[in-house]
Every structure is written in C-alpha cells, then in structure tokens.
C-alpha atoms as a PDB file:
ATOM      1  CA  MET A   1      27.670 -13.801 -19.666  1.00  0.00           C
ATOM      2  CA  GLN A   2      31.283 -12.144 -20.327  1.00  0.00           C
ATOM      3  CA  ILE A   3      32.428  -9.633 -17.413  1.00  0.00           C
ATOM      4  CA  ALA A   4      35.557  -7.854 -18.282  1.00  0.00           C
ATOM      5  CA  ILE A   5      38.027  -6.287 -16.001  1.00  0.00           C
ATOM      6  CA  PRO A   6      40.176  -3.699 -17.795  1.00  0.00           C
ATOM      7  CA  ILE A   7      43.792  -4.090 -15.886  1.00  0.00           C
ATOM      8  CA  PHE A   8      47.081  -1.609 -15.763  1.00  0.00           C
ATOM      9  CA  ASN A   9      50.218  -0.731 -14.381  1.00  0.00           C
ATOM     10  CA  GLY A  10      49.617   1.205 -11.306  1.00  0.00           C
ATOM     11  CA  PHE A  11      45.777   0.045 -10.921  1.00  0.00           C
ATOM     12  CA  THR A  12      44.303  -0.441  -7.193  1.00  0.00           C
ATOM     13  CA  ALA A  13      44.130  -4.263  -6.258  1.00  0.00           C
ATOM     14  CA  LEU A  14      40.835  -4.448  -4.076  1.00  0.00           C
ATOM     15  CA  ASP A  15      39.230  -2.155  -6.893  1.00  0.00           C
ATOM     16  CA  ALA A  16      39.485  -5.306  -8.956  1.00  0.00           C
ATOM     17  CA  ILE A  17      39.643  -7.745  -7.066  1.00  0.00           C
ATOM     18  CA  GLY A  18      36.803  -7.172  -5.016  1.00  0.00           C
ATOM     19  CA  PRO A  19      34.432  -6.981  -7.780  1.00  0.00           C
ATOM     20  CA  TYR A  20      35.897  -9.729  -9.024  1.00  0.00           C
ATOM     21  CA  ASP A  21      35.402 -12.191  -6.035  1.00  0.00           C
ATOM     22  CA  VAL A  22      32.008 -11.398  -6.117  1.00  0.00           C
ATOM     23  CA  LEU A  23      31.084 -11.562  -9.709  1.00  0.00           C
ATOM     24  CA  SER A  24      33.050 -14.757  -9.940  1.00  0.00           C
ATOM     25  CA  ARG A  25      30.367 -16.124  -8.344  1.00  0.00           C
ATOM     26  CA  LEU A  26      27.274 -15.541 -10.210  1.00  0.00           C
ATOM     27  CA  PRO A  27      26.174 -18.709 -11.845  1.00  0.00           C
ATOM     28  CA  GLY A  28      27.093 -18.633 -15.759  1.00  0.00           C
ATOM     29  CA  ALA A  29      29.322 -15.679 -15.484  1.00  0.00           C
ATOM     30  CA  GLU A  30      32.759 -15.633 -17.730  1.00  0.00           C
ATOM     31  CA  VAL A  31      34.724 -12.438 -15.850  1.00  0.00           C
ATOM     32  CA  VAL A  32      37.762 -11.780 -17.971  1.00  0.00           C
ATOM     33  CA  ILE A  33      40.756  -9.974 -16.810  1.00  0.00           C
ATOM     34  CA  CYS A  34      42.276  -7.804 -19.566  1.00  0.00           C
ATOM     35  CA  ALA A  35      44.770  -5.400 -20.867  1.00  0.00           C
ATOM     36  CA  ALA A  36      46.281  -3.233 -23.365  1.00  0.00           C
ATOM     37  CA  GLU A  37      48.504  -6.644 -24.164  1.00  0.00           C
ATOM     38  CA  PRO A  38      48.261  -9.635 -22.270  1.00  0.00           C
ATOM     39  CA  GLY A  39      50.789  -9.785 -19.222  1.00  0.00           C
ATOM     40  CA  GLU A  40      51.191  -9.046 -15.818  1.00  0.00           C
ATOM     41  CA  LYS A  41      50.432  -5.460 -14.736  1.00  0.00           C
ATOM     42  CA  ARG A  42      51.780  -4.360 -10.922  1.00  0.00           C
ATOM     43  CA  THR A  43      49.475  -2.543  -8.972  1.00  0.00           C
ATOM     44  CA  GLU A  44      49.883   1.126  -7.452  1.00  0.00           C
ATOM     45  CA  SER A  45      52.708  -0.197  -4.759  1.00  0.00           C
ATOM     46  CA  GLY A  46      54.384  -2.268  -7.350  1.00  0.00           C
ATOM     47  CA  VAL A  47      54.335  -4.831  -4.949  1.00  0.00           C
ATOM     48  CA  LEU A  48      51.703  -7.263  -6.572  1.00  0.00           C
ATOM     49  CA  GLY A  49      51.278  -8.310  -9.963  1.00  0.00           C
ATOM     50  CA  VAL A  50      47.756  -9.691 -11.878  1.00  0.00           C
ATOM     51  CA  MET A  51      47.936 -11.598 -14.870  1.00  0.00           C
ATOM     52  CA  ALA A  52      45.617  -9.913 -17.674  1.00  0.00           C
ATOM     53  CA  ASP A  53      44.833 -13.110 -19.929  1.00  0.00           C
ATOM     54  CA  ARG A  54      43.684 -11.474 -22.793  1.00  0.00           C
ATOM     55  CA  ALA A  55      44.035  -8.208 -25.127  1.00  0.00           C
ATOM     56  CA  LEU A  56      41.924  -5.539 -25.083  1.00  0.00           C
ATOM     57  CA  ALA A  57      41.212  -6.175 -28.769  1.00  0.00           C
ATOM     58  CA  GLU A  58      40.192  -9.744 -27.925  1.00  0.00           C
ATOM     59  CA  VAL A  59      37.190  -8.530 -25.631  1.00  0.00           C
ATOM     60  CA  GLU A  60      35.300  -7.053 -28.286  1.00  0.00           C
ATOM     61  CA  ARG A  61      31.370  -7.467 -26.603  1.00  0.00           C
ATOM     62  CA  PRO A  62      31.094  -7.515 -22.897  1.00  0.00           C
ATOM     63  CA  ASP A  63      28.136  -7.942 -21.570  1.00  0.00           C
ATOM     64  CA  VAL A  64      29.562  -5.924 -18.285  1.00  0.00           C
ATOM     65  CA  ILE A  65      33.070  -4.079 -17.673  1.00  0.00           C
ATOM     66  CA  VAL A  66      34.315  -2.977 -14.214  1.00  0.00           C
ATOM     67  CA  VAL A  67      36.678  -0.430 -14.620  1.00  0.00           C
ATOM     68  CA  PRO A  68      39.587  -0.342 -11.803  1.00  0.00           C
ATOM     69  CA  GLY A  69      40.907   2.699 -10.680  1.00  0.00           C
ATOM     70  CA  GLY A  70      44.224   3.587  -8.828  1.00  0.00           C
ATOM     71  CA  VAL A  71      47.298   5.836  -9.221  1.00  0.00           C
ATOM     72  CA  GLY A  72      48.039   4.501 -12.879  1.00  0.00           C
ATOM     73  CA  THR A  73      44.702   5.952 -13.945  1.00  0.00           C
ATOM     74  CA  ARG A  74      45.782   9.044 -15.163  1.00  0.00           C
ATOM     75  CA  ASN A  75      48.710   7.657 -17.337  1.00  0.00           C
ATOM     76  CA  HIS A  76      45.309   6.984 -19.521  1.00  0.00           C
ATOM     77  CA  LEU A  77      43.809   9.973 -19.640  1.00  0.00           C
ATOM     78  CA  GLU A  78      43.333  11.176 -22.989  1.00  0.00           C
ATOM     79  CA  GLN A  79      41.408  10.207 -26.185  1.00  0.00           C
ATOM     80  CA  GLY A  80      44.118   8.533 -28.319  1.00  0.00           C
ATOM     81  CA  ASP A  81      44.451   6.111 -25.447  1.00  0.00           C
ATOM     82  CA  PRO A  82      43.795   2.350 -25.997  1.00  0.00           C
ATOM     83  CA  TYR A  83      41.955   1.678 -22.595  1.00  0.00           C
ATOM     84  CA  ILE A  84      39.785   5.220 -23.560  1.00  0.00           C
ATOM     85  CA  ARG A  85      39.193   3.817 -27.513  1.00  0.00           C
ATOM     86  CA  TRP A  86      38.056   0.307 -26.428  1.00  0.00           C
ATOM     87  CA  ILE A  87      35.633   1.793 -23.283  1.00  0.00           C
ATOM     88  CA  ALA A  88      34.141   4.140 -25.547  1.00  0.00           C
ATOM     89  CA  ASP A  89      33.507   1.304 -28.243  1.00  0.00           C
ATOM     90  CA  VAL A  90      32.246  -1.592 -26.166  1.00  0.00           C
ATOM     91  CA  HIS A  91      30.257   0.801 -23.847  1.00  0.00           C
ATOM     92  CA  PRO A  92      27.107   1.060 -26.370  1.00  0.00           C
ATOM     93  CA  GLY A  93      26.611  -2.728 -26.546  1.00  0.00           C
ATOM     94  CA  THR A  94      27.269  -3.596 -22.963  1.00  0.00           C
ATOM     95  CA  GLN A  95      24.478  -4.252 -20.296  1.00  0.00           C
ATOM     96  CA  TRP A  96      26.082  -2.118 -17.562  1.00  0.00           C
ATOM     97  CA  THR A  97      29.174  -0.311 -17.753  1.00  0.00           C
ATOM     98  CA  THR A  98      30.420   0.442 -14.040  1.00  0.00           C
ATOM     99  CA  SER A  99      33.911   1.944 -12.563  1.00  0.00           C
ATOM    100  CA  VAL A 100      35.492   1.781  -9.377  1.00  0.00           C
ATOM    101  CA  CYS A 101      37.464   4.867  -7.518  1.00  0.00           C
ATOM    102  CA  THR A 102      39.273   7.029 -10.330  1.00  0.00           C
ATOM    103  CA  GLY A 103      37.961   4.273 -13.067  1.00  0.00           C
ATOM    104  CA  SER A 104      35.168   6.825 -13.003  1.00  0.00           C
ATOM    105  CA  LEU A 105      37.993   9.201 -15.033  1.00  0.00           C
ATOM    106  CA  MET A 106      38.402   6.969 -17.556  1.00  0.00           C
ATOM    107  CA  LEU A 107      34.659   6.556 -18.246  1.00  0.00           C
ATOM    108  CA  ALA A 108      34.335  10.373 -18.195  1.00  0.00           C
ATOM    109  CA  GLU A 109      37.682  10.283 -20.657  1.00  0.00           C
ATOM    110  CA  ALA A 110      35.524   8.108 -22.617  1.00  0.00           C
ATOM    111  CA  GLY A 111      32.627  10.589 -23.253  1.00  0.00           C
ATOM    112  CA  ILE A 112      30.731   8.177 -20.810  1.00  0.00           C
ATOM    113  CA  LEU A 113      29.685  10.838 -18.222  1.00  0.00           C
ATOM    114  CA  ASP A 114      29.210  13.923 -20.140  1.00  0.00           C
ATOM    115  CA  GLY A 115      26.644  15.602 -17.773  1.00  0.00           C
ATOM    116  CA  VAL A 116      25.901  12.312 -15.575  1.00  0.00           C
ATOM    117  CA  GLU A 117      25.703  11.975 -12.094  1.00  0.00           C
ATOM    118  CA  ALA A 118      28.647   9.781 -10.897  1.00  0.00           C
ATOM    119  CA  THR A 119      31.131   8.962  -7.858  1.00  0.00           C
ATOM    120  CA  THR A 120      34.282   8.254  -7.293  1.00  0.00           C
ATOM    121  CA  HIS A 121      37.157   8.657  -4.847  1.00  0.00           C
ATOM    122  CA  TRP A 122      36.595  11.830  -2.308  1.00  0.00           C
ATOM    123  CA  ALA A 123      40.025  13.342  -3.356  1.00  0.00           C
ATOM    124  CA  ALA A 124      39.094  12.733  -7.369  1.00  0.00           C
ATOM    125  CA  ARG A 125      35.815  14.316  -7.319  1.00  0.00           C
ATOM    126  CA  GLU A 126      37.207  17.866  -8.432  1.00  0.00           C
ATOM    127  CA  ALA A 127      38.888  16.086 -11.690  1.00  0.00           C
ATOM    128  CA  LEU A 128      35.667  13.892 -12.570  1.00  0.00           C
ATOM    129  CA  ALA A 129      34.106  17.403 -12.607  1.00  0.00           C
ATOM    130  CA  GLU A 130      36.912  18.508 -15.084  1.00  0.00           C
ATOM    131  CA  LEU A 131      36.099  15.684 -17.143  1.00  0.00           C
ATOM    132  CA  GLY A 132      32.337  16.860 -17.784  1.00  0.00           C
ATOM    133  CA  ALA A 133      30.569  14.587 -15.189  1.00  0.00           C
ATOM    134  CA  VAL A 134      28.390  15.489 -12.354  1.00  0.00           C
ATOM    135  CA  PRO A 135      30.459  14.222  -9.179  1.00  0.00           C
ATOM    136  CA  ILE A 136      28.118  13.352  -5.881  1.00  0.00           C
ATOM    137  CA  ALA A 137      28.884  11.847  -2.351  1.00  0.00           C
ATOM    138  CA  LYS A 138      27.642   8.830  -2.731  1.00  0.00           C
ATOM    139  CA  ARG A 139      29.209   5.976  -2.265  1.00  0.00           C
ATOM    140  CA  VAL A 140      27.403   3.769  -5.015  1.00  0.00           C
ATOM    141  CA  VAL A 141      25.577   5.939  -8.496  1.00  0.00           C
ATOM    142  CA  GLU A 142      23.466   4.264 -10.631  1.00  0.00           C
ATOM    143  CA  ARG A 143      22.214   6.074 -13.603  1.00  0.00           C
ATOM    144  CA  GLY A 144      21.239   4.508 -16.977  1.00  0.00           C
ATOM    145  CA  LYS A 145      23.406   1.165 -17.092  1.00  0.00           C
ATOM    146  CA  VAL A 146      26.237   3.088 -15.694  1.00  0.00           C
ATOM    147  CA  ILE A 147      27.107   2.252 -11.881  1.00  0.00           C
ATOM    148  CA  THR A 148      30.189   4.129 -10.459  1.00  0.00           C
ATOM    149  CA  ALA A 149      31.477   3.497  -6.842  1.00  0.00           C
ATOM    150  CA  ALA A 150      33.284   5.453  -4.499  1.00  0.00           C
ATOM    151  CA  GLY A 151      36.736   4.687  -3.332  1.00  0.00           C
ATOM    152  CA  VAL A 152      38.007   1.673  -3.443  1.00  0.00           C
ATOM    153  CA  SER A 153      36.334  -0.878  -0.896  1.00  0.00           C
ATOM    154  CA  SER A 154      32.987   0.345  -2.528  1.00  0.00           C
ATOM    155  CA  GLY A 155      33.654  -2.091  -5.179  1.00  0.00           C
ATOM    156  CA  ILE A 156      32.141  -4.535  -3.558  1.00  0.00           C
ATOM    157  CA  ASP A 157      29.139  -2.875  -2.505  1.00  0.00           C
ATOM    158  CA  MET A 158      28.879  -2.174  -5.938  1.00  0.00           C
ATOM    159  CA  ALA A 159      29.459  -5.394  -7.055  1.00  0.00           C
ATOM    160  CA  LEU A 160      26.415  -6.829  -5.048  1.00  0.00           C
ATOM    161  CA  THR A 161      24.561  -4.079  -6.305  1.00  0.00           C
ATOM    162  CA  LEU A 162      25.410  -5.392  -9.991  1.00  0.00           C
ATOM    163  CA  VAL A 163      24.252  -9.021  -9.060  1.00  0.00           C
ATOM    164  CA  GLU A 164      21.148  -8.140  -7.922  1.00  0.00           C
ATOM    165  CA  ARG A 165      20.190  -5.829 -11.440  1.00  0.00           C
ATOM    166  CA  LEU A 166      21.754  -8.643 -13.852  1.00  0.00           C
ATOM    167  CA  THR A 167      20.130 -11.826 -11.928  1.00  0.00           C
ATOM    168  CA  GLY A 168      16.904  -8.984 -10.741  1.00  0.00           C
ATOM    169  CA  ALA A 169      17.103 -11.495  -7.867  1.00  0.00           C
ATOM    170  CA  GLU A 170      17.873  -9.851  -4.589  1.00  0.00           C
ATOM    171  CA  LEU A 171      18.290 -13.566  -2.977  1.00  0.00           C
ATOM    172  CA  MET A 172      21.314 -13.987  -5.146  1.00  0.00           C
ATOM    173  CA  ALA A 173      23.115 -10.781  -4.056  1.00  0.00           C
ATOM    174  CA  GLN A 174      22.348 -11.540  -0.858  1.00  0.00           C
ATOM    175  CA  ALA A 175      23.193 -15.357  -1.120  1.00  0.00           C
ATOM    176  CA  ILE A 176      27.053 -13.761  -2.347  1.00  0.00           C
ATOM    177  CA  GLN A 177      27.198 -11.420   0.165  1.00  0.00           C
ATOM    178  CA  LEU A 178      26.640 -14.453   2.868  1.00  0.00           C
ATOM    179  CA  GLY A 179      29.315 -16.840   1.201  1.00  0.00           C
ATOM    180  CA  ILE A 180      31.914 -13.639   1.277  1.00  0.00           C
ATOM    181  CA  GLU A 181      31.001 -13.028   5.254  1.00  0.00           C
ATOM    182  CA  TYR A 182      30.558  -9.534   3.933  1.00  0.00           C
ATOM    183  CA  ASP A 183      29.139  -7.802   7.105  1.00  0.00           C
ATOM    184  CA  PRO A 184      31.747  -4.743   7.600  1.00  0.00           C
ATOM    185  CA  GLU A 185      32.188  -3.487  11.048  1.00  0.00           C
ATOM    186  CA  PRO A 186      35.394  -1.169  10.916  1.00  0.00           C
ATOM    187  CA  PRO A 187      37.340  -0.288  14.205  1.00  0.00           C
ATOM    188  CA  HIS A 188      37.185   3.628  13.026  1.00  0.00           C
ATOM    189  CA  ASP A 189      34.044   5.998  11.557  1.00  0.00           C
ATOM    190  CA  THR A 190      36.474   7.916   9.316  1.00  0.00           C
ATOM    191  CA  GLY A 191      35.976   6.095   5.706  1.00  0.00           C
ATOM    192  CA  SER A 192      34.293   9.461   4.331  1.00  0.00           C
ATOM    193  CA  LEU A 193      35.404  12.812   3.889  1.00  0.00           C
ATOM    194  CA  GLU A 194      32.119  13.542   5.368  1.00  0.00           C
ATOM    195  CA  LYS A 195      32.902  11.786   8.611  1.00  0.00           C
ATOM    196  CA  ALA A 196      36.978  12.541   9.035  1.00  0.00           C
ATOM    197  CA  PRO A 197      38.393  15.689  10.833  1.00  0.00           C
ATOM    198  CA  PRO A 198      40.187  18.371   8.930  1.00  0.00           C
ATOM    199  CA  GLU A 199      43.098  17.052  10.172  1.00  0.00           C
ATOM    200  CA  LEU A 200      42.871  13.680   9.146  1.00  0.00           C
ATOM    201  CA  VAL A 201      41.936  15.069   5.541  1.00  0.00           C
ATOM    202  CA  GLU A 202      44.700  17.000   5.363  1.00  0.00           C
ATOM    203  CA  LEU A 203      47.058  13.821   6.288  1.00  0.00           C
ATOM    204  CA  VAL A 204      45.821  11.673   3.875  1.00  0.00           C
ATOM    205  CA  MET A 205      45.469  14.116   0.854  1.00  0.00           C
ATOM    206  CA  SER A 206      49.651  14.767   1.477  1.00  0.00           C
ATOM    207  CA  ALA A 207      49.950  10.572   0.665  1.00  0.00           C
ATOM    208  CA  LEU A 208      47.626  11.031  -1.780  1.00  0.00           C
ATOM    209  CA  LYS A 209      49.846  13.827  -3.666  1.00  0.00           C
ATOM    210  CA  ALA A 210      53.097  11.801  -3.039  1.00  0.00           C
ATOM    211  CA  GLU A 211      51.503   8.725  -4.760  1.00  0.00           C
ATOM    212  CA  ASP A 212      50.389  10.953  -7.719  1.00  0.00           C
ATOM    213  CA  GLU A 213      53.901  12.653  -7.857  1.00  0.00           C
ATOM    214  CA  LYS A 214      55.575   8.692  -8.166  1.00  0.00           C
ATOM    215  CA  ALA A 215      53.300   8.038 -10.475  1.00  0.00           C
ATOM    216  CA  ALA A 216      53.727  10.461 -12.890  1.00  0.00           C
ATOM    217  CA  GLU A 217      57.442  10.134 -12.144  1.00  0.00           C
ATOM    218  CA  LEU A 218      57.870   6.465 -13.608  1.00  0.00           C
ATOM    219  CA  HIS A 219      55.298   7.189 -16.257  1.00  0.00           C
ATOM    220  CA  SER A 220      57.552   9.815 -17.340  1.00  0.00           C
ATOM    221  CA  LEU A 221      60.330   7.329 -17.297  1.00  0.00           C
ATOM    222  CA  SER A 222      58.887   4.768 -18.833  1.00  0.00           C
ATOM    223  CA  LEU A 223      58.054   7.264 -22.169  1.00  0.00           C
END
C-alpha cells in the first residue's frame, strides 16, 4: 500500500509529520514524501527542511494521499499548478484522499470538494467555501473516500481514523495510538474557535494575517 504525502515550500510541519508518524507504523505501508521536484522543502517558518524523495510524476497510483496545509498552499491554488493537477489526476484511483488543515483548499481547487462537506483550519473556512466546499466545524470529516481534518494537530486524529478504515480493525488504530502515547491533555481549553474568547481569536487572526502577508511577499519575490 502506497501512501503519498506531497510537500511544498511553506507547508506546516505537523500537518505532514503527524500523519506520517501514524501511517508509517501501519504494516505493509510505504509512505512516500513527494513534491513537484525532488529535494528539500522548507516549512512555513523557513527553519525546518524536509526532503522529498520523489517527484509527483513518479507517484502515479498512490492508494492514499495526505495533503498538508500551511501558508504555502496559497501559492498553489490555481488549475495549472502541478500539485493541483496531480491531486486531480490521482484522486480517481485512490482508496482514500485526505487533507490536513488548509490542505483542504488544494483538494477543493482540484474539484474534489464541490458541494461536499469538509473541514479545515477555522480561519480558512470562508476560503474553503469560496472554493465550492461546505465547511463544517468538526475536527475530522469523512465523506465517501475523502477525509478532511481541521487545523494542524487534528491530522493525528485523521490518521488514526484512516488506519481503522484501511485495516477494518479498531485494534490496530488503538495499538498505534498507544504506541505513540497519543493521550492529549492540553493545559488550556482554547483549542477551537468555538471555545476561544473573542480577544484571543482577534490576536491569533492578526498573527495569521501577518503570516499570509509574508508568504505572499516571498512568493512574489520568487516569480
């Protein structure tokens, strides 16, 4: 079973590495990190580099794809983009097509979420709707063979759900969860838009806006 995780400059590290750490423990799974061109891709902070071993063109028939999010997704939301073309091309042959955080925007741009309920990072729900999806405020949303996860850390929840779907065995998902000791007890109950106070939402929105502006500036310099 081949599981493909496409990465690009400006992806969020945990969006890709969280699901990778879960799915790489699945017996018989080959997890492939790929990109438009092989080589190192930097996360949105620019600090961490992850190596893509294969080109998208070399990954023609993956059984599963996991599309991460990050500010870099904004640089790939057009029909001619190689990532969008690849997602659209391989989706008909996948067993499962999944995304984490704003990776759902790329699924939507590829035409996979037209009129389909899906989730994403809370700050990107409006953008997801503009691309034709029906955003809902859930941590993991499963519709047919498409599974979308909300922001960053929810990718681990999605990957554990995916393990259960792939194996048909709750025990396997439970075993992997225990193996990685995934038993979160956050120190504060402010991890979703619905729980956070307005002043905190405003603070985070300002920080996210600054990240988007920086990403747009870097993209324009690379053109």
